[in-house]
Structure formats: C-alpha cells, structure tokens
Protein backbone atom coordinates (compact mmCIF):
# COMPACT_ATOMS: atom_id res chain seq x y z
CA MET A 1 136.74 119.21 67.57
CA ILE A 2 133.17 117.78 68.65
CA ARG A 3 133.11 114.27 69.87
CA LYS A 4 130.83 111.54 69.55
CA ILE A 5 131.53 109.71 72.41
CA GLY A 6 129.39 111.09 75.65
CA MET A 7 126.56 111.80 73.12
CA ILE A 8 124.02 110.34 75.53
CA GLY A 9 125.39 112.59 78.41
CA ARG A 10 124.97 115.48 76.21
CA THR A 11 121.84 114.83 75.13
CA TYR A 12 119.98 114.68 78.52
CA ARG A 13 122.26 117.88 79.54
CA HIS A 14 120.71 119.64 76.68
CA ALA A 15 117.19 118.39 76.75
CA ASN A 16 115.65 121.40 77.07
CA ARG A 17 117.38 122.83 73.98
CA TYR A 18 116.67 119.38 72.18
CA LEU A 19 112.85 120.32 72.97
CA GLU A 20 112.64 123.73 71.82
CA ILE A 21 114.12 122.83 68.81
CA ILE A 22 111.78 120.16 68.49
CA GLY A 23 109.19 122.63 69.10
CA VAL A 24 110.24 125.17 67.04
CA LEU A 25 110.24 122.61 63.86
CA SER A 26 106.94 121.43 64.71
CA LYS A 27 105.39 125.10 64.75
CA HIS A 28 106.86 125.61 61.41
CA GLY A 29 105.40 122.53 59.81
CA PHE A 30 108.55 120.46 60.01
CA ALA A 31 107.02 117.27 61.64
CA ASP A 32 108.18 114.92 58.47
CA ILE A 33 112.02 116.28 59.15
CA ILE A 34 111.69 115.59 62.68
CA SER A 35 109.75 111.73 62.04
CA ARG A 36 112.09 110.84 59.27
CA SER A 37 115.00 111.63 61.18
CA ARG A 38 113.90 110.03 64.11
CA LEU A 39 114.32 113.47 66.30
CA GLU A 40 111.74 112.43 68.46
CA SER A 41 113.62 109.61 69.58
CA VAL A 42 116.65 111.67 71.17
CA ILE A 43 114.68 112.72 74.37
CA ASP A 44 111.64 110.25 75.51
CA PHE A 45 109.28 112.92 76.34
CA GLY A 46 109.68 114.74 73.01
CA ARG A 47 107.10 113.32 71.05
CA LYS A 48 103.91 115.02 72.72
CA ILE A 49 105.82 118.08 71.15
CA VAL A 50 106.52 116.46 68.07
CA PHE A 51 102.77 116.12 67.15
CA ARG A 52 101.41 119.09 68.13
CA LYS A 53 99.98 120.86 65.00
CA ALA A 54 102.02 123.86 63.11
CA ASP A 55 100.66 126.87 63.05
CA PRO A 56 98.16 127.83 60.37
CA LYS A 57 99.62 131.17 59.43
CA ILE A 58 103.15 129.85 59.26
CA LEU A 59 101.79 127.02 56.75
CA THR A 60 100.62 129.57 54.04
CA LEU A 61 104.50 130.45 53.88
CA SER A 62 106.75 128.27 51.41
CA ARG A 63 108.86 125.67 52.73
CA TRP A 64 112.30 127.69 52.00
CA GLU A 65 110.95 130.91 53.97
CA ARG A 66 109.64 128.41 57.23
CA MET A 67 113.36 126.75 57.22
CA ARG A 68 114.68 130.82 57.08
CA LEU A 69 112.63 131.16 59.91
CA VAL A 70 113.52 128.29 61.82
CA LEU A 71 117.30 129.43 62.16
CA GLU A 72 115.85 132.97 62.99
CA LYS A 73 113.99 131.38 65.91
CA LEU A 74 116.58 128.84 66.68
CA GLY A 75 119.36 131.72 67.24
CA PRO A 76 122.68 133.28 66.71
CA THR A 77 124.45 129.60 65.96
CA PHE A 78 121.69 128.42 63.60
CA ILE A 79 121.76 132.06 62.06
CA LYS A 80 125.08 132.03 61.48
CA PHE A 81 125.29 128.18 59.98
CA GLY A 82 122.31 129.79 57.37
CA GLN A 83 124.61 132.67 56.60
CA VAL A 84 127.46 130.31 55.92
CA MET A 85 125.02 128.14 53.81
CA SER A 86 123.84 131.15 51.85
CA ASN A 87 127.25 131.22 49.98
CA ARG A 88 126.96 127.35 48.97
CA ALA A 89 125.23 127.69 45.67
CA ASP A 90 126.73 124.25 44.70
CA LEU A 91 124.84 122.60 47.73
CA ILE A 92 121.80 124.76 48.01
CA PRO A 93 118.87 125.40 46.23
CA MET A 94 118.21 128.89 44.69
CA GLU A 95 115.09 129.17 46.45
CA LEU A 96 116.65 128.52 49.84
CA LEU A 97 119.58 130.53 48.95
CA VAL A 98 117.43 133.67 48.38
CA GLU A 99 115.49 132.92 52.16
CA LEU A 100 119.25 132.39 53.58
CA GLU A 101 120.50 135.39 52.55
CA LYS A 102 117.89 137.45 54.37
CA LEU A 103 119.56 136.49 57.65
CA GLN A 104 122.33 139.01 57.19
CA ASP A 105 120.51 141.75 59.04
CA SER A 106 117.64 139.84 60.93
CA VAL A 107 119.47 139.54 64.51
CA PRO A 108 118.33 141.61 67.58
CA PRO A 109 120.67 143.49 68.95
CA PHE A 110 121.62 143.11 72.86
CA SER A 111 121.55 146.57 75.26
CA GLY A 112 123.86 149.45 75.05
CA GLU A 113 124.85 149.07 78.72
CA GLU A 114 125.83 145.00 78.17
CA ALA A 115 127.87 146.58 75.43
CA THR A 116 129.66 148.95 77.64
CA ASN A 117 129.90 146.41 80.32
CA ILE A 118 132.01 144.33 77.82
CA ILE A 119 134.30 146.92 76.47
CA GLU A 120 135.26 148.23 80.13
CA LYS A 121 136.05 144.82 81.21
CA GLU A 122 138.27 144.13 78.60
CA LEU A 123 140.09 147.37 78.16
CA GLY A 124 139.77 147.87 82.01
CA LYS A 125 139.10 151.60 81.86
CA PRO A 126 135.18 153.41 81.94
CA VAL A 127 134.21 153.80 78.67
CA ASN A 128 134.37 157.72 78.76
CA GLU A 129 138.02 157.34 79.48
CA ILE A 130 138.58 155.39 76.00
CA PHE A 131 135.86 157.04 73.80
CA LYS A 132 135.04 160.79 73.04
CA LYS A 133 131.62 159.64 72.08
CA PHE A 134 130.04 155.87 72.28
CA SER A 135 126.82 155.34 71.02
CA GLN A 136 124.50 153.05 72.97
CA SER A 137 122.51 152.12 70.07
CA SER A 138 124.38 149.39 67.92
CA VAL A 139 124.50 150.25 64.03
CA ALA A 140 124.62 146.48 63.34
CA ALA A 141 123.86 143.32 64.45
CA ALA A 142 125.31 140.03 63.62
CA SER A 143 124.90 136.43 65.28
CA ILE A 144 128.52 136.69 67.23
CA ALA A 145 128.48 140.40 67.83
CA GLN A 146 127.15 143.76 67.28
CA VAL A 147 129.07 147.08 65.93
CA HIS A 148 128.69 150.43 67.84
CA LYS A 149 130.07 153.78 66.33
CA ALA A 150 132.37 155.55 68.47
CA THR A 151 135.06 158.44 68.64
CA LEU A 152 138.46 158.11 69.54
CA LEU A 153 139.86 160.77 72.28
CA ASP A 154 142.13 162.19 69.14
CA GLY A 155 138.87 162.47 67.18
CA GLU A 156 139.15 159.78 64.98
CA ASP A 157 135.85 157.58 64.00
CA VAL A 158 135.55 154.45 64.70
CA VAL A 159 133.20 151.05 64.86
CA VAL A 160 133.81 148.97 68.09
CA LYS A 161 132.62 145.19 67.29
CA VAL A 162 131.40 143.74 70.66
CA GLN A 163 131.14 140.03 71.15
CA ARG A 164 127.17 139.02 72.47
CA PRO A 165 127.44 138.13 76.06
CA GLY A 166 127.53 134.44 76.62
CA ILE A 167 127.80 133.52 72.93
CA GLY A 168 130.85 130.78 73.78
CA ARG A 169 128.34 128.72 75.84
CA ILE A 170 125.51 129.11 73.41
CA ILE A 171 127.20 128.17 70.62
CA GLU A 172 129.13 124.96 72.52
CA THR A 173 125.81 123.64 73.23
CA ASP A 174 124.23 124.22 69.99
CA LEU A 175 127.34 122.54 67.76
CA GLU A 176 126.88 119.36 70.11
CA ILE A 177 123.21 119.35 69.17
CA MET A 178 123.69 120.14 65.37
CA PHE A 179 126.39 117.15 65.01
CA ASN A 180 123.86 115.06 66.69
CA ILE A 181 120.97 115.82 64.24
CA ALA A 182 123.38 116.09 61.36
CA MET A 183 124.41 112.23 62.12
CA MET A 184 120.46 111.24 62.60
CA ALA A 185 119.56 112.88 59.46
CA GLU A 186 122.51 111.33 57.36
CA LYS A 187 121.07 107.87 58.72
CA HIS A 188 117.73 107.81 58.30
CA ILE A 189 117.32 110.07 55.50
CA PRO A 190 119.14 108.46 52.48
CA GLU A 191 118.58 111.30 49.90
CA ILE A 192 120.33 114.00 51.76
CA ARG A 193 123.42 112.22 52.30
CA PHE A 194 124.85 113.57 49.57
CA LEU A 195 124.76 116.61 51.42
CA SER A 196 127.50 115.49 53.92
CA LEU A 197 125.88 117.30 56.82
CA VAL A 198 128.29 115.92 59.43
CA HIS A 199 131.30 117.09 57.25
CA LEU A 200 129.39 120.53 56.89
CA VAL A 201 128.62 120.96 60.74
CA GLU A 202 132.28 119.99 61.47
CA GLU A 203 133.69 122.57 58.84
CA PHE A 204 131.41 125.00 60.24
CA GLU A 205 132.79 124.63 63.88
CA LYS A 206 136.48 125.33 62.78
CA THR A 207 135.14 128.51 61.22
CA ILE A 208 132.85 129.60 64.20
CA ARG A 209 135.51 128.89 66.79
CA LYS A 210 137.92 130.81 64.74
CA GLU A 211 135.30 133.79 64.78
CA LEU A 212 134.61 133.69 68.22
CA ASN A 213 138.55 135.03 68.61
CA PHE A 214 138.37 138.61 67.53
CA SER A 215 142.15 138.85 67.62
CA ILE A 216 142.56 136.45 65.00
CA GLU A 217 139.87 138.49 62.92
CA ALA A 218 142.50 141.49 63.60
CA ASN A 219 145.48 139.30 62.22
CA ASN A 220 143.48 138.45 59.28
CA LEU A 221 142.53 142.23 58.37
CA GLU A 222 146.14 143.21 58.99
CA ARG A 223 147.34 140.31 56.68
CA PHE A 224 144.69 141.28 54.13
CA GLY A 225 145.89 144.96 54.15
CA THR A 226 149.50 144.08 53.39
CA TYR A 227 148.54 141.95 50.18
CA PHE A 228 146.34 145.33 48.84
CA GLN A 229 148.28 148.25 50.22
CA LYS A 230 149.19 149.16 47.11
CA ASN A 231 145.93 148.30 45.04
CA ALA A 232 144.00 151.50 44.43
CA ASN A 233 140.71 149.74 43.58
CA ILE A 234 140.08 148.53 47.21
CA TYR A 235 140.18 149.97 50.50
CA VAL A 236 140.85 148.05 53.65
CA PRO A 237 139.94 149.51 57.14
CA LYS A 238 142.54 150.46 59.78
CA TYR A 239 142.56 148.56 62.79
CA TYR A 240 143.17 149.91 66.17
CA ARG A 241 145.35 147.09 68.37
CA ASP A 242 144.96 149.34 71.56
CA PHE A 243 141.38 149.28 71.62
CA SER A 244 140.89 145.79 70.70
CA THR A 245 140.77 142.16 72.65
CA LYS A 246 139.71 138.59 72.00
CA LYS A 247 136.00 140.09 72.56
CA ILE A 248 136.31 143.46 70.99
CA LEU A 249 137.53 144.95 67.73
CA THR A 250 137.81 148.60 67.09
CA MET A 251 138.46 149.68 63.40
CA GLU A 252 137.97 152.78 61.05
CA PHE A 253 134.48 153.83 60.47
CA ILE A 254 133.54 153.16 56.86
CA ASP A 255 130.68 155.47 55.45
CA GLY A 256 129.63 153.38 51.96
CA ILE A 257 127.21 151.91 49.76
CA LYS A 258 126.17 148.13 50.32
CA ILE A 259 127.15 146.49 47.03
CA SER A 260 124.12 144.73 46.65
CA ASP A 261 122.08 148.33 46.74
CA ILE A 262 122.09 149.46 42.55
CA GLU A 263 119.93 151.81 43.26
CA ARG A 264 122.20 154.10 45.59
CA ILE A 265 125.14 153.32 43.51
CA LYS A 266 123.69 155.01 40.37
CA LYS A 267 121.96 157.49 42.53
CA PHE A 268 126.09 158.46 43.56
CA GLU A 269 127.01 158.35 40.27
CA LEU A 270 129.25 155.36 40.78
CA ASP A 271 129.51 152.80 37.62
CA PRO A 272 128.31 149.07 38.45
CA LYS A 273 129.83 147.65 35.77
CA VAL A 274 133.32 148.91 36.73
CA ILE A 275 132.62 147.61 40.07
CA ALA A 276 131.52 144.40 38.98
CA ARG A 277 135.09 143.95 36.82
CA ARG A 278 137.04 145.29 39.99
CA GLY A 279 135.27 142.71 42.45
CA THR A 280 135.87 139.92 39.90
CA ASP A 281 139.60 140.81 39.90
CA LEU A 282 139.84 141.47 43.55
CA PHE A 283 138.70 137.86 43.87
CA LEU A 284 141.06 136.32 41.35
CA LYS A 285 143.88 138.43 42.68
CA GLN A 286 142.84 136.86 46.60
CA ILE A 287 142.73 133.18 45.00
CA PHE A 288 145.14 132.66 42.37
CA GLU A 289 147.77 135.21 43.63
CA TYR A 290 147.49 135.48 47.42
CA GLY A 291 146.00 132.30 48.12
CA PHE A 292 144.03 133.82 51.19
CA PHE A 293 140.55 135.33 50.55
CA HIS A 294 137.18 136.82 52.18
CA ALA A 295 135.04 133.39 52.81
CA ASP A 296 131.66 135.46 53.83
CA PRO A 297 131.46 138.09 51.06
CA HIS A 298 127.64 138.49 51.47
CA PRO A 299 126.49 141.98 50.64
CA GLY A 300 126.21 143.36 54.20
CA ASN A 301 130.41 142.97 53.87
CA VAL A 302 131.20 144.64 51.05
CA LEU A 303 130.73 148.02 50.31
CA VAL A 304 131.52 150.55 47.71
CA LEU A 305 133.03 153.94 48.10
CA PRO A 306 133.72 157.05 46.11
CA ASP A 307 135.15 156.59 42.70
CA ASN A 308 133.90 152.84 42.66
CA ILE A 309 136.02 151.36 45.26
CA ILE A 310 135.50 148.40 47.17
CA CYS A 311 135.81 148.08 50.87
CA PHE A 312 135.39 144.60 52.61
CA LEU A 313 134.27 144.53 56.02
CA ASP A 314 134.40 141.33 58.48
CA TYR A 315 137.43 139.92 58.42
CA GLY A 316 136.65 136.71 60.82
CA MET A 317 136.25 134.23 58.01
CA MET A 318 139.08 133.86 55.70
CA GLY A 319 140.25 130.85 53.39
CA THR A 320 143.61 129.76 52.87
CA LEU A 321 144.49 127.80 49.96
CA THR A 322 148.30 125.87 49.70
CA LYS A 323 150.34 126.82 46.38
CA SER A 324 149.56 123.57 44.97
CA THR A 325 145.74 124.09 45.12
CA MET A 326 146.20 127.72 44.09
C-alpha cells in the first residue's frame, strides 16, 4: 500500500517528476487546478512553471480533450489510470469518457530490440531457439506492455506480451505522486470530494500491481477458460506456460474484429444484434454465475470471430465477487 508517512521525503526525491506534471498541466491550460489544489506548494520552485502561459493552440481544444492529452503526455501510469476511469460512467462526464476511450491505442511502442532482450533474459534462450519467427515490430502497444506476433517451433501462431522496460519503477514513483495529488485535491477542492480520489487511487494501485505480474494474468485466463469451456458463444485463447514468466506472456494469436467496428462486422456478414445479446449474456454469467468477471472490457480487449463468437483479450484486470455480493 501507499503510505502517507514520509510524504515530504518522497516529494523531494521525486521533485523533477512533480515539476514535469506541473509543467504539463500549465501547458494544457490547467493552472486553475494547480492553484486550487495548491500543487505549486509541493515544491517551492514549482511556482515559476505554474504561472507560465498555456499553449494557445492547445487552448482551442475542449477541456476534456486537454485532460486526455495531459494523461498521454504524463506516460504509462497516468494513461492506465485514464483507461480504468473510462469504464466509470457512474463518475465521469460522458464528454470525458469519450476522450478517455481514445487512450486505448495511443501509447508509443518501445523497440523490438528491447523486447527481444527481455524475452531472452526471461526465458534464458536466444529468440531464434524459442520461436521459428518473431516480429520485431509490435502489433499493439499499451501502457504496461506491448504485443509481438511470433510462431512457435511447432508452427503455432502466437502473440507475445512483453512488459515495458523499467515500468515497475515508473509506476511506483507515479503512484506516490498520484496519491499525494489526490489528497491535496480532496482537501482544497470541496466540489470534487464526492469522487473519493484517494480511494480511487488506492484501488488503482491494487489493480496495476497485479497487472505487473503476468503470472497472475495467466492464472486468470486459465480460470476464465475453465468456466466457459462448454459455452459455444465465447472463445478463450490458449496460454503457453512454457513460454511465459512474470514479465512475458505467450498466447494463441487471435484474428478477429474489434467489437466497436460495426462497419467491418457488417461487412463480414456478422450480426450486431446477436453479438450484443451474446455479450450481455456472457457478462451476466460472469457476474451472477461465476462471480469472476473481465474488468477492462474496452473495445480493444473484445474481438468478434466468425459465427458471432466473442473473444476477450487481456486478463490482467479481473473482478471477483463473493457469493453474498452476487
């Protein structure tokens, strides 16, 4: 857990990151947030950055667009927080939800060489002894990891999820800062207290720590697959334990259509009504029958396969319900 004690020491230790956050907020026209939350008081020399003028071009955008740009600029931890909040229609204005959904595919990839180095270090072998083919270019990049296509020596097509280099250290620093900012905002801006920002950051911390351990995701995938193994309306990808660790995850390659891409769904003569009905049924089963549900079901994580079959990807964020809650 994030601790309140030692906050002053951590503030000075992360002074450069605080300055960066203050600078990004200023540039994007959020001097009011800095001032009202008294963020500039965190570090004495932050004031000169707080009061510099915002970028005029950026100010032509809506406040919600600028909020999304701030998260993108601040990097993986903040992007992930935005992605998590994009599922909270109970708390977030619709205009902001629309912007947060755009964060799903906006993270720049790291190099294929770095990915190769991580895989070889984790599995203890050269990549060419593990895979018949391995693509140096990623097919998807997210806040914590990116995905590469590969072919196993036996000819199976797979995807390899590789954790971002140094992401653990980055997240630890940003969590401390996010917690501090949330406390200050709740203390000094009364109208946002209903959001319970500190609680949201604490819950986010639990979630993202689990996501950093791909072994947990692998267990989630296997458990989810066990529940739905006899359900013909859903397909759960295979997981390759021998080619996975805490930092890499190898799964079956799935070629499907993003569930929000209605044009392609119709082009391939799939039925949106059937998909919607099946999707609803699958979620109800997850919640009311199994008490174990996919907690990050944004469109990038849900594909449609032939015959209107639904396939969930990314099992890093899962929710669990007790029997009494169900």
